[in-house]
Amino acid sequence: GLEEAYQQYKALQIWDSVVGDVIAKATVVEQFSQGQLFIRVKNSSWRM
């Protein structure tokens, strides 16, 4: 009965395939909490 938890887990796993190789190389998935996905970005240009 943890379907939402699985969806959150899956969101972390599919990040690279959804955004593509170029963005995936410039980002790191940190965590997913309360509907918010936290992504660490290589630099401020990429963040913008």
All heavy atoms as atom14 arrays in JSON, in Angstrom:
{
  "sequence": "GLEEAYQQYKALQIWDSVVGDVIAKATVVEQFSQGQLFIRVKNSSWRM",
  "atom14_mask": [
    [1, 1, 1, 1, 0, 0, 0, 0, 0, 0, 0, 0, 0, 0],
    [1, 1, 1, 1, 1, 1, 1, 1, 0, 0, 0, 0, 0, 0],
    [1, 1, 1, 1, 1, 1, 1, 1, 1, 0, 0, 0, 0, 0],
    [1, 1, 1, 1, 1, 1, 1, 1, 1, 0, 0, 0, 0, 0],
    [1, 1, 1, 1, 1, 0, 0, 0, 0, 0, 0, 0, 0, 0],
    [1, 1, 1, 1, 1, 1, 1, 1, 1, 1, 1, 1, 0, 0],
    [1, 1, 1, 1, 1, 1, 1, 1, 1, 0, 0, 0, 0, 0],
    [1, 1, 1, 1, 1, 1, 1, 1, 1, 0, 0, 0, 0, 0],
    [1, 1, 1, 1, 1, 1, 1, 1, 1, 1, 1, 1, 0, 0],
    [1, 1, 1, 1, 1, 1, 1, 1, 1, 0, 0, 0, 0, 0],
    [1, 1, 1, 1, 1, 0, 0, 0, 0, 0, 0, 0, 0, 0],
    [1, 1, 1, 1, 1, 1, 1, 1, 0, 0, 0, 0, 0, 0],
    [1, 1, 1, 1, 1, 1, 1, 1, 1, 0, 0, 0, 0, 0],
    [1, 1, 1, 1, 1, 1, 1, 1, 0, 0, 0, 0, 0, 0],
    [1, 1, 1, 1, 1, 1, 1, 1, 1, 1, 1, 1, 1, 1],
    [1, 1, 1, 1, 1, 1, 1, 1, 0, 0, 0, 0, 0, 0],
    [1, 1, 1, 1, 1, 1, 0, 0, 0, 0, 0, 0, 0, 0],
    [1, 1, 1, 1, 1, 1, 1, 0, 0, 0, 0, 0, 0, 0],
    [1, 1, 1, 1, 1, 1, 1, 0, 0, 0, 0, 0, 0, 0],
    [1, 1, 1, 1, 0, 0, 0, 0, 0, 0, 0, 0, 0, 0],
    [1, 1, 1, 1, 1, 1, 1, 1, 0, 0, 0, 0, 0, 0],
    [1, 1, 1, 1, 1, 1, 1, 0, 0, 0, 0, 0, 0, 0],
    [1, 1, 1, 1, 1, 1, 1, 1, 0, 0, 0, 0, 0, 0],
    [1, 1, 1, 1, 1, 0, 0, 0, 0, 0, 0, 0, 0, 0],
    [1, 1, 1, 1, 1, 1, 1, 1, 1, 0, 0, 0, 0, 0],
    [1, 1, 1, 1, 1, 0, 0, 0, 0, 0, 0, 0, 0, 0],
    [1, 1, 1, 1, 1, 1, 1, 0, 0, 0, 0, 0, 0, 0],
    [1, 1, 1, 1, 1, 1, 1, 0, 0, 0, 0, 0, 0, 0],
    [1, 1, 1, 1, 1, 1, 1, 0, 0, 0, 0, 0, 0, 0],
    [1, 1, 1, 1, 1, 1, 1, 1, 1, 0, 0, 0, 0, 0],
    [1, 1, 1, 1, 1, 1, 1, 1, 1, 0, 0, 0, 0, 0],
    [1, 1, 1, 1, 1, 1, 1, 1, 1, 1, 1, 0, 0, 0],
    [1, 1, 1, 1, 1, 1, 0, 0, 0, 0, 0, 0, 0, 0],
    [1, 1, 1, 1, 1, 1, 1, 1, 1, 0, 0, 0, 0, 0],
    [1, 1, 1, 1, 0, 0, 0, 0, 0, 0, 0, 0, 0, 0],
    [1, 1, 1, 1, 1, 1, 1, 1, 1, 0, 0, 0, 0, 0],
    [1, 1, 1, 1, 1, 1, 1, 1, 0, 0, 0, 0, 0, 0],
    [1, 1, 1, 1, 1, 1, 1, 1, 1, 1, 1, 0, 0, 0],
    [1, 1, 1, 1, 1, 1, 1, 1, 0, 0, 0, 0, 0, 0],
    [1, 1, 1, 1, 1, 1, 1, 1, 1, 1, 1, 0, 0, 0],
    [1, 1, 1, 1, 1, 1, 1, 0, 0, 0, 0, 0, 0, 0],
    [1, 1, 1, 1, 1, 1, 1, 1, 1, 0, 0, 0, 0, 0],
    [1, 1, 1, 1, 1, 1, 1, 1, 0, 0, 0, 0, 0, 0],
    [1, 1, 1, 1, 1, 1, 0, 0, 0, 0, 0, 0, 0, 0],
    [1, 1, 1, 1, 1, 1, 0, 0, 0, 0, 0, 0, 0, 0],
    [1, 1, 1, 1, 1, 1, 1, 1, 1, 1, 1, 1, 1, 1],
    [1, 1, 1, 1, 1, 1, 1, 1, 1, 1, 1, 0, 0, 0],
    [1, 1, 1, 1, 1, 1, 1, 1, 0, 0, 0, 0, 0, 0]
  ],
  "atom14_positions": [
    [[0.8, -1.22, 0.0], [0.0, 0.0, 0.0], [0.84, 1.27, 0.0], [0.41, 2.3, 0.51], [0.0, 0.0, 0.0], [0.0, 0.0, 0.0], [0.0, 0.0, 0.0], [0.0, 0.0, 0.0], [0.0, 0.0, 0.0], [0.0, 0.0, 0.0], [0.0, 0.0, 0.0], [0.0, 0.0, 0.0], [0.0, 0.0, 0.0], [0.0, 0.0, 0.0]],
    [[2.01, 1.19, -0.55], [2.93, 2.33, -0.58], [3.14, 2.84, -2.0], [4.26, 3.14, -2.41], [4.28, 1.93, 0.04], [4.23, 1.44, 1.48], [5.55, 0.85, 1.89], [3.84, 2.58, 2.39], [0.0, 0.0, 0.0], [0.0, 0.0, 0.0], [0.0, 0.0, 0.0], [0.0, 0.0, 0.0], [0.0, 0.0, 0.0], [0.0, 0.0, 0.0]],
    [[2.07, 2.96, -2.74], [2.15, 3.35, -4.14], [2.8, 4.73, -4.31], [3.62, 4.93, -5.2], [0.76, 3.36, -4.77], [0.76, 3.71, -6.23], [0.43, 2.52, -7.09], [-0.04, 1.5, -6.59], [0.65, 2.64, -8.29], [0.0, 0.0, 0.0], [0.0, 0.0, 0.0], [0.0, 0.0, 0.0], [0.0, 0.0, 0.0], [0.0, 0.0, 0.0]],
    [[2.44, 5.69, -3.46], [3.02, 7.03, -3.58], [4.53, 6.99, -3.32], [5.3, 7.67, -3.99], [2.35, 8.01, -2.63], [2.82, 9.44, -2.85], [2.07, 10.44, -2.0], [1.0, 10.12, -1.47], [2.58, 11.56, -1.87], [0.0, 0.0, 0.0], [0.0, 0.0, 0.0], [0.0, 0.0, 0.0], [0.0, 0.0, 0.0], [0.0, 0.0, 0.0]],
    [[4.95, 6.21, -2.36], [6.38, 6.07, -2.07], [7.11, 5.48, -3.27], [8.23, 5.9, -3.6], [6.59, 5.2, -0.84], [0.0, 0.0, 0.0], [0.0, 0.0, 0.0], [0.0, 0.0, 0.0], [0.0, 0.0, 0.0], [0.0, 0.0, 0.0], [0.0, 0.0, 0.0], [0.0, 0.0, 0.0], [0.0, 0.0, 0.0], [0.0, 0.0, 0.0]],
    [[6.48, 4.53, -3.94], [7.1, 3.96, -5.13], [7.2, 4.99, -6.25], [8.22, 5.04, -6.95], [6.31, 2.73, -5.62], [6.85, 2.2, -6.92], [8.12, 1.65, -6.98], [6.1, 2.28, -8.09], [8.63, 1.18, -8.17], [6.6, 1.8, -9.28], [7.87, 1.26, -9.32], [8.38, 0.8, -10.51], [0.0, 0.0, 0.0], [0.0, 0.0, 0.0]],
    [[6.18, 5.8, -6.41], [6.22, 6.85, -7.44], [7.36, 7.83, -7.15], [8.03, 8.3, -8.06], [4.88, 7.58, -7.52], [3.75, 6.75, -8.07], [3.98, 6.31, -9.51], [4.68, 6.94, -10.27], [3.36, 5.2, -9.87], [0.0, 0.0, 0.0], [0.0, 0.0, 0.0], [0.0, 0.0, 0.0], [0.0, 0.0, 0.0], [0.0, 0.0, 0.0]],
    [[7.57, 8.14, -5.89], [8.67, 9.03, -5.52], [10.02, 8.38, -5.83], [10.92, 9.02, -6.37], [8.59, 9.39, -4.04], [7.4, 10.26, -3.72], [7.24, 10.49, -2.23], [8.02, 10.0, -1.42], [6.22, 11.25, -1.86], [0.0, 0.0, 0.0], [0.0, 0.0, 0.0], [0.0, 0.0, 0.0], [0.0, 0.0, 0.0], [0.0, 0.0, 0.0]],
    [[10.15, 7.12, -5.5], [11.37, 6.36, -5.82], [11.61, 6.35, -7.32], [12.72, 6.58, -7.8], [11.24, 4.93, -5.27], [12.21, 3.95, -5.86], [13.53, 3.9, -5.43], [11.8, 3.07, -6.87], [14.42, 3.0, -5.98], [12.68, 2.16, -7.41], [14.0, 2.13, -6.97], [14.88, 1.24, -7.52], [0.0, 0.0, 0.0], [0.0, 0.0, 0.0]],
    [[10.55, 6.1, -8.06], [10.65, 6.03, -9.51], [11.06, 7.39, -10.1], [11.83, 7.44, -11.06], [9.31, 5.57, -10.08], [9.34, 5.17, -11.53], [8.0, 4.58, -11.93], [7.91, 4.42, -13.43], [6.58, 4.01, -13.84], [0.0, 0.0, 0.0], [0.0, 0.0, 0.0], [0.0, 0.0, 0.0], [0.0, 0.0, 0.0], [0.0, 0.0, 0.0]],
    [[10.56, 8.48, -9.54], [10.93, 9.82, -10.02], [12.43, 10.04, -9.92], [13.05, 10.62, -10.82], [10.18, 10.89, -9.22], [0.0, 0.0, 0.0], [0.0, 0.0, 0.0], [0.0, 0.0, 0.0], [0.0, 0.0, 0.0], [0.0, 0.0, 0.0], [0.0, 0.0, 0.0], [0.0, 0.0, 0.0], [0.0, 0.0, 0.0], [0.0, 0.0, 0.0]],
    [[13.03, 9.56, -8.85], [14.47, 9.67, -8.69], [15.21, 8.84, -9.73], [16.25, 9.25, -10.24], [14.89, 9.23, -7.28], [14.31, 10.03, -6.11], [14.7, 9.37, -4.8], [14.75, 11.47, -6.15], [0.0, 0.0, 0.0], [0.0, 0.0, 0.0], [0.0, 0.0, 0.0], [0.0, 0.0, 0.0], [0.0, 0.0, 0.0], [0.0, 0.0, 0.0]],
    [[14.66, 7.68, -10.05], [15.32, 6.77, -10.97], [15.23, 7.2, -12.43], [16.15, 6.93, -13.21], [14.72, 5.36, -10.83], [14.86, 4.77, -9.45], [16.29, 4.7, -8.98], [17.14, 4.21, -9.69], [16.56, 5.22, -7.8], [0.0, 0.0, 0.0], [0.0, 0.0, 0.0], [0.0, 0.0, 0.0], [0.0, 0.0, 0.0], [0.0, 0.0, 0.0]],
    [[14.16, 7.89, -12.81], [13.97, 8.21, -14.23], [14.46, 9.6, -14.61], [14.36, 10.0, -15.76], [12.49, 8.05, -14.66], [11.6, 9.08, -13.96], [12.01, 6.64, -14.45], [10.2, 9.13, -14.5], [0.0, 0.0, 0.0], [0.0, 0.0, 0.0], [0.0, 0.0, 0.0], [0.0, 0.0, 0.0], [0.0, 0.0, 0.0], [0.0, 0.0, 0.0]],
    [[15.0, 10.36, -13.65], [15.45, 11.73, -13.93], [16.34, 11.79, -15.18], [16.08, 12.56, -16.09], [16.18, 12.3, -12.72], [16.82, 13.63, -13.0], [18.15, 13.86, -13.26], [16.17, 14.9, -13.07], [18.36, 15.19, -13.48], [17.16, 15.86, -13.37], [14.86, 15.32, -12.92], [16.88, 17.21, -13.52], [14.57, 16.67, -13.06], [15.57, 17.6, -13.35]],
    [[17.39, 10.97, -15.23], [18.33, 11.03, -16.35], [17.66, 10.75, -17.69], [17.94, 11.44, -18.67], [19.47, 10.03, -16.14], [20.41, 10.43, -15.02], [20.24, 11.53, -14.46], [21.31, 9.63, -14.69], [0.0, 0.0, 0.0], [0.0, 0.0, 0.0], [0.0, 0.0, 0.0], [0.0, 0.0, 0.0], [0.0, 0.0, 0.0], [0.0, 0.0, 0.0]],
    [[16.78, 9.79, -17.73], [16.13, 9.46, -19.01], [15.13, 10.52, -19.44], [14.93, 10.75, -20.63], [15.45, 8.09, -18.94], [14.42, 8.11, -18.0], [0.0, 0.0, 0.0], [0.0, 0.0, 0.0], [0.0, 0.0, 0.0], [0.0, 0.0, 0.0], [0.0, 0.0, 0.0], [0.0, 0.0, 0.0], [0.0, 0.0, 0.0], [0.0, 0.0, 0.0]],
    [[14.51, 11.2, -18.48], [13.53, 12.24, -18.81], [14.21, 13.51, -19.31], [13.78, 14.1, -20.3], [12.62, 12.56, -17.59], [11.79, 13.8, -17.83], [11.71, 11.38, -17.3], [0.0, 0.0, 0.0], [0.0, 0.0, 0.0], [0.0, 0.0, 0.0], [0.0, 0.0, 0.0], [0.0, 0.0, 0.0], [0.0, 0.0, 0.0], [0.0, 0.0, 0.0]],
    [[15.3, 13.92, -18.66], [15.94, 15.19, -19.03], [16.98, 15.04, -20.13], [17.36, 16.02, -20.76], [16.58, 15.9, -17.82], [15.52, 16.27, -16.8], [17.67, 15.07, -17.19], [0.0, 0.0, 0.0], [0.0, 0.0, 0.0], [0.0, 0.0, 0.0], [0.0, 0.0, 0.0], [0.0, 0.0, 0.0], [0.0, 0.0, 0.0], [0.0, 0.0, 0.0]],
    [[17.47, 13.84, -20.37], [18.46, 13.62, -21.42], [19.88, 13.67, -20.87], [20.13, 14.12, -19.75], [0.0, 0.0, 0.0], [0.0, 0.0, 0.0], [0.0, 0.0, 0.0], [0.0, 0.0, 0.0], [0.0, 0.0, 0.0], [0.0, 0.0, 0.0], [0.0, 0.0, 0.0], [0.0, 0.0, 0.0], [0.0, 0.0, 0.0], [0.0, 0.0, 0.0]],
    [[20.83, 13.22, -21.69], [22.22, 13.08, -21.27], [22.89, 14.39, -20.89], [23.64, 14.46, -19.92], [23.04, 12.4, -22.36], [22.68, 10.94, -22.54], [22.17, 10.34, -21.58], [22.94, 10.4, -23.63], [0.0, 0.0, 0.0], [0.0, 0.0, 0.0], [0.0, 0.0, 0.0], [0.0, 0.0, 0.0], [0.0, 0.0, 0.0], [0.0, 0.0, 0.0]],
    [[22.66, 15.44, -21.67], [23.35, 16.7, -21.43], [22.97, 17.29, -20.07], [23.83, 17.66, -19.27], [23.04, 17.72, -22.56], [23.65, 19.07, -22.26], [23.55, 17.19, -23.9], [0.0, 0.0, 0.0], [0.0, 0.0, 0.0], [0.0, 0.0, 0.0], [0.0, 0.0, 0.0], [0.0, 0.0, 0.0], [0.0, 0.0, 0.0], [0.0, 0.0, 0.0]],
    [[21.67, 17.35, -19.79], [21.22, 17.88, -18.5], [21.58, 16.92, -17.37], [21.98, 17.36, -16.29], [19.7, 18.17, -18.53], [19.41, 19.32, -19.51], [19.18, 18.5, -17.13], [17.95, 19.62, -19.73], [0.0, 0.0, 0.0], [0.0, 0.0, 0.0], [0.0, 0.0, 0.0], [0.0, 0.0, 0.0], [0.0, 0.0, 0.0], [0.0, 0.0, 0.0]],
    [[21.5, 15.63, -17.62], [21.83, 14.65, -16.59], [23.28, 14.79, -16.14], [23.58, 14.63, -14.95], [21.57, 13.23, -17.12], [0.0, 0.0, 0.0], [0.0, 0.0, 0.0], [0.0, 0.0, 0.0], [0.0, 0.0, 0.0], [0.0, 0.0, 0.0], [0.0, 0.0, 0.0], [0.0, 0.0, 0.0], [0.0, 0.0, 0.0], [0.0, 0.0, 0.0]],
    [[24.17, 15.11, -17.06], [25.58, 15.29, -16.7], [25.82, 16.55, -15.88], [26.8, 16.64, -15.16], [26.44, 15.32, -17.96], [26.56, 13.97, -18.62], [27.38, 14.03, -19.88], [27.41, 12.66, -20.55], [28.11, 12.71, -21.84], [0.0, 0.0, 0.0], [0.0, 0.0, 0.0], [0.0, 0.0, 0.0], [0.0, 0.0, 0.0], [0.0, 0.0, 0.0]],
    [[24.92, 17.52, -15.99], [25.07, 18.78, -15.26], [24.29, 18.8, -13.95], [24.31, 19.8, -13.23], [24.63, 19.94, -16.14], [0.0, 0.0, 0.0], [0.0, 0.0, 0.0], [0.0, 0.0, 0.0], [0.0, 0.0, 0.0], [0.0, 0.0, 0.0], [0.0, 0.0, 0.0], [0.0, 0.0, 0.0], [0.0, 0.0, 0.0], [0.0, 0.0, 0.0]],
    [[23.61, 17.71, -13.62], [22.76, 17.67, -12.43], [22.96, 16.4, -11.63], [23.43, 15.38, -12.15], [21.27, 17.76, -12.81], [20.93, 16.67, -13.66], [20.94, 19.07, -13.51], [0.0, 0.0, 0.0], [0.0, 0.0, 0.0], [0.0, 0.0, 0.0], [0.0, 0.0, 0.0], [0.0, 0.0, 0.0], [0.0, 0.0, 0.0], [0.0, 0.0, 0.0]],
    [[22.57, 16.48, -10.36], [22.56, 15.31, -9.48], [21.26, 15.35, -8.69], [20.94, 16.37, -8.07], [23.75, 15.33, -8.5], [23.67, 14.18, -7.51], [25.07, 15.32, -9.25], [0.0, 0.0, 0.0], [0.0, 0.0, 0.0], [0.0, 0.0, 0.0], [0.0, 0.0, 0.0], [0.0, 0.0, 0.0], [0.0, 0.0, 0.0], [0.0, 0.0, 0.0]],
    [[20.52, 14.26, -8.71], [19.29, 14.18, -7.93], [19.67, 13.97, -6.48], [20.42, 13.06, -6.15], [18.42, 13.0, -8.42], [17.17, 12.88, -7.58], [18.07, 13.16, -9.88], [0.0, 0.0, 0.0], [0.0, 0.0, 0.0], [0.0, 0.0, 0.0], [0.0, 0.0, 0.0], [0.0, 0.0, 0.0], [0.0, 0.0, 0.0], [0.0, 0.0, 0.0]],
    [[19.16, 14.85, -5.61], [19.5, 14.76, -4.19], [18.43, 14.05, -3.37], [18.72, 13.12, -2.65], [19.77, 16.15, -3.61], [21.07, 16.73, -4.08], [21.49, 17.92, -3.26], [20.62, 18.62, -2.71], [22.7, 18.15, -3.18], [0.0, 0.0, 0.0], [0.0, 0.0, 0.0], [0.0, 0.0, 0.0], [0.0, 0.0, 0.0], [0.0, 0.0, 0.0]],
    [[17.2, 14.53, -3.47], [16.13, 13.92, -2.69], [14.77, 14.32, -3.23], [14.66, 15.23, -4.03], [16.22, 14.32, -1.21], [15.9, 15.76, -0.93], [15.93, 16.07, 0.55], [16.27, 15.24, 1.37], [15.58, 17.28, 0.91], [0.0, 0.0, 0.0], [0.0, 0.0, 0.0], [0.0, 0.0, 0.0], [0.0, 0.0, 0.0], [0.0, 0.0, 0.0]],
    [[13.76, 13.59, -2.75], [12.38, 13.89, -3.1], [11.6, 13.91, -1.8], [11.55, 12.92, -1.08], [11.85, 12.83, -4.05], [10.51, 13.13, -4.64], [10.02, 14.42, -4.7], [9.73, 12.13, -5.15], [8.79, 14.69, -5.26], [8.5, 12.38, -5.72], [8.02, 13.67, -5.77], [0.0, 0.0, 0.0], [0.0, 0.0, 0.0], [0.0, 0.0, 0.0]],
    [[11.02, 15.05, -1.48], [10.31, 15.18, -0.21], [9.06, 16.04, -0.39], [9.14, 17.15, -0.92], [11.24, 15.83, 0.82], [10.57, 16.05, 2.02], [0.0, 0.0, 0.0], [0.0, 0.0, 0.0], [0.0, 0.0, 0.0], [0.0, 0.0, 0.0], [0.0, 0.0, 0.0], [0.0, 0.0, 0.0], [0.0, 0.0, 0.0], [0.0, 0.0, 0.0]],
    [[7.93, 15.52, 0.04], [6.66, 16.24, 0.02], [6.35, 16.87, -1.34], [5.95, 18.02, -1.44], [6.65, 17.29, 1.12], [6.8, 16.7, 2.49], [6.91, 17.75, 3.58], [6.96, 18.94, 3.32], [6.94, 17.3, 4.81], [0.0, 0.0, 0.0], [0.0, 0.0, 0.0], [0.0, 0.0, 0.0], [0.0, 0.0, 0.0], [0.0, 0.0, 0.0]],
    [[6.56, 16.1, -2.4], [6.24, 16.56, -3.74], [7.29, 17.45, -4.38], [7.13, 17.89, -5.5], [0.0, 0.0, 0.0], [0.0, 0.0, 0.0], [0.0, 0.0, 0.0], [0.0, 0.0, 0.0], [0.0, 0.0, 0.0], [0.0, 0.0, 0.0], [0.0, 0.0, 0.0], [0.0, 0.0, 0.0], [0.0, 0.0, 0.0], [0.0, 0.0, 0.0]],
    [[8.38, 17.7, -3.66], [9.45, 18.54, -4.2], [10.67, 17.69, -4.51], [11.16, 16.95, -3.66], [9.84, 19.63, -3.2], [8.75, 20.63, -2.94], [9.19, 21.68, -1.94], [9.85, 21.38, -0.95], [8.83, 22.92, -2.22], [0.0, 0.0, 0.0], [0.0, 0.0, 0.0], [0.0, 0.0, 0.0], [0.0, 0.0, 0.0], [0.0, 0.0, 0.0]],
    [[11.16, 17.83, -5.73], [12.35, 17.13, -6.18], [13.52, 18.1, -6.1], [13.48, 19.17, -6.72], [12.14, 16.64, -7.61], [13.23, 15.79, -8.25], [13.49, 14.53, -7.43], [12.83, 15.42, -9.68], [0.0, 0.0, 0.0], [0.0, 0.0, 0.0], [0.0, 0.0, 0.0], [0.0, 0.0, 0.0], [0.0, 0.0, 0.0], [0.0, 0.0, 0.0]],
    [[14.53, 17.75, -5.32], [15.69, 18.62, -5.12], [16.84, 18.15, -6.02], [17.26, 17.0, -5.93], [16.13, 18.61, -3.66], [15.14, 19.25, -2.74], [14.09, 18.51, -2.22], [15.24, 20.59, -2.42], [13.16, 19.09, -1.37], [14.31, 21.19, -1.58], [13.27, 20.44, -1.05], [0.0, 0.0, 0.0], [0.0, 0.0, 0.0], [0.0, 0.0, 0.0]],
    [[17.31, 19.07, -6.86], [18.34, 18.77, -7.84], [19.54, 19.69, -7.63], [19.38, 20.91, -7.61], [17.81, 18.96, -9.29], [16.53, 18.16, -9.52], [18.87, 18.65, -10.32], [16.7, 16.67, -9.5], [0.0, 0.0, 0.0], [0.0, 0.0, 0.0], [0.0, 0.0, 0.0], [0.0, 0.0, 0.0], [0.0, 0.0, 0.0], [0.0, 0.0, 0.0]],
    [[20.73, 19.11, -7.48], [21.95, 19.9, -7.4], [22.44, 20.13, -8.83], [22.51, 19.21, -9.62], [23.03, 19.22, -6.59], [24.31, 20.06, -6.53], [25.2, 19.73, -5.38], [24.58, 19.69, -4.08], [24.31, 20.76, -3.32], [24.59, 21.96, -3.76], [23.76, 20.61, -2.13], [0.0, 0.0, 0.0], [0.0, 0.0, 0.0], [0.0, 0.0, 0.0]],
    [[22.76, 21.4, -9.13], [23.14, 21.8, -10.49], [24.61, 22.18, -10.5], [25.14, 22.73, -9.53], [22.26, 22.99, -10.95], [22.59, 23.39, -12.36], [20.79, 22.64, -10.83], [0.0, 0.0, 0.0], [0.0, 0.0, 0.0], [0.0, 0.0, 0.0], [0.0, 0.0, 0.0], [0.0, 0.0, 0.0], [0.0, 0.0, 0.0], [0.0, 0.0, 0.0]],
    [[25.26, 21.89, -11.62], [26.7, 22.1, -11.79], [27.14, 23.54, -11.54], [28.14, 23.79, -10.89], [27.06, 21.68, -13.21], [28.5, 21.59, -13.53], [28.66, 21.05, -14.93], [30.1, 20.87, -15.31], [30.23, 20.28, -16.64], [0.0, 0.0, 0.0], [0.0, 0.0, 0.0], [0.0, 0.0, 0.0], [0.0, 0.0, 0.0], [0.0, 0.0, 0.0]],
    [[26.39, 24.51, -12.06], [26.75, 25.92, -11.88], [25.51, 26.8, -12.04], [24.43, 26.32, -12.38], [27.87, 26.34, -12.84], [27.52, 26.1, -14.28], [26.42, 26.39, -14.73], [28.46, 25.55, -15.05], [0.0, 0.0, 0.0], [0.0, 0.0, 0.0], [0.0, 0.0, 0.0], [0.0, 0.0, 0.0], [0.0, 0.0, 0.0], [0.0, 0.0, 0.0]],
    [[25.69, 28.08, -11.82], [24.55, 29.01, -11.85], [23.96, 29.16, -13.25], [22.76, 29.41, -13.39], [24.96, 30.37, -11.3], [26.0, 30.93, -12.07], [0.0, 0.0, 0.0], [0.0, 0.0, 0.0], [0.0, 0.0, 0.0], [0.0, 0.0, 0.0], [0.0, 0.0, 0.0], [0.0, 0.0, 0.0], [0.0, 0.0, 0.0], [0.0, 0.0, 0.0]],
    [[24.77, 29.01, -14.27], [24.25, 29.1, -15.64], [23.26, 27.97, -15.91], [22.19, 28.19, -16.5], [25.39, 29.03, -16.66], [26.26, 30.11, -16.5], [0.0, 0.0, 0.0], [0.0, 0.0, 0.0], [0.0, 0.0, 0.0], [0.0, 0.0, 0.0], [0.0, 0.0, 0.0], [0.0, 0.0, 0.0], [0.0, 0.0, 0.0], [0.0, 0.0, 0.0]],
    [[23.63, 26.77, -15.49], [22.72, 25.64, -15.65], [21.47, 25.82, -14.8], [20.37, 25.48, -15.22], [23.42, 24.32, -15.28], [24.06, 23.67, -16.45], [25.39, 23.51, -16.68], [23.4, 23.08, -17.57], [25.6, 22.88, -17.87], [24.39, 22.59, -18.43], [22.07, 22.91, -17.93], [24.09, 21.95, -19.63], [21.78, 22.27, -19.12], [22.78, 21.8, -19.96]],
    [[21.63, 26.34, -13.6], [20.47, 26.56, -12.73], [19.47, 27.49, -13.39], [18.26, 27.24, -13.39], [20.92, 27.11, -11.38], [19.78, 27.17, -10.38], [20.22, 27.52, -8.96], [21.05, 28.69, -8.89], [22.33, 28.71, -8.49], [22.92, 27.58, -8.14], [23.02, 29.82, -8.45], [0.0, 0.0, 0.0], [0.0, 0.0, 0.0], [0.0, 0.0, 0.0]],
    [[19.96, 28.56, -14.02], [19.08, 29.51, -14.71], [18.4, 28.83, -15.91], [17.19, 28.98, -16.11], [19.88, 30.73, -15.17], [19.03, 31.79, -15.83], [17.8, 32.51, -14.74], [18.84, 33.5, -13.7], [0.0, 0.0, 0.0], [0.0, 0.0, 0.0], [0.0, 0.0, 0.0], [0.0, 0.0, 0.0], [0.0, 0.0, 0.0], [0.0, 0.0, 0.0]]
  ]
}
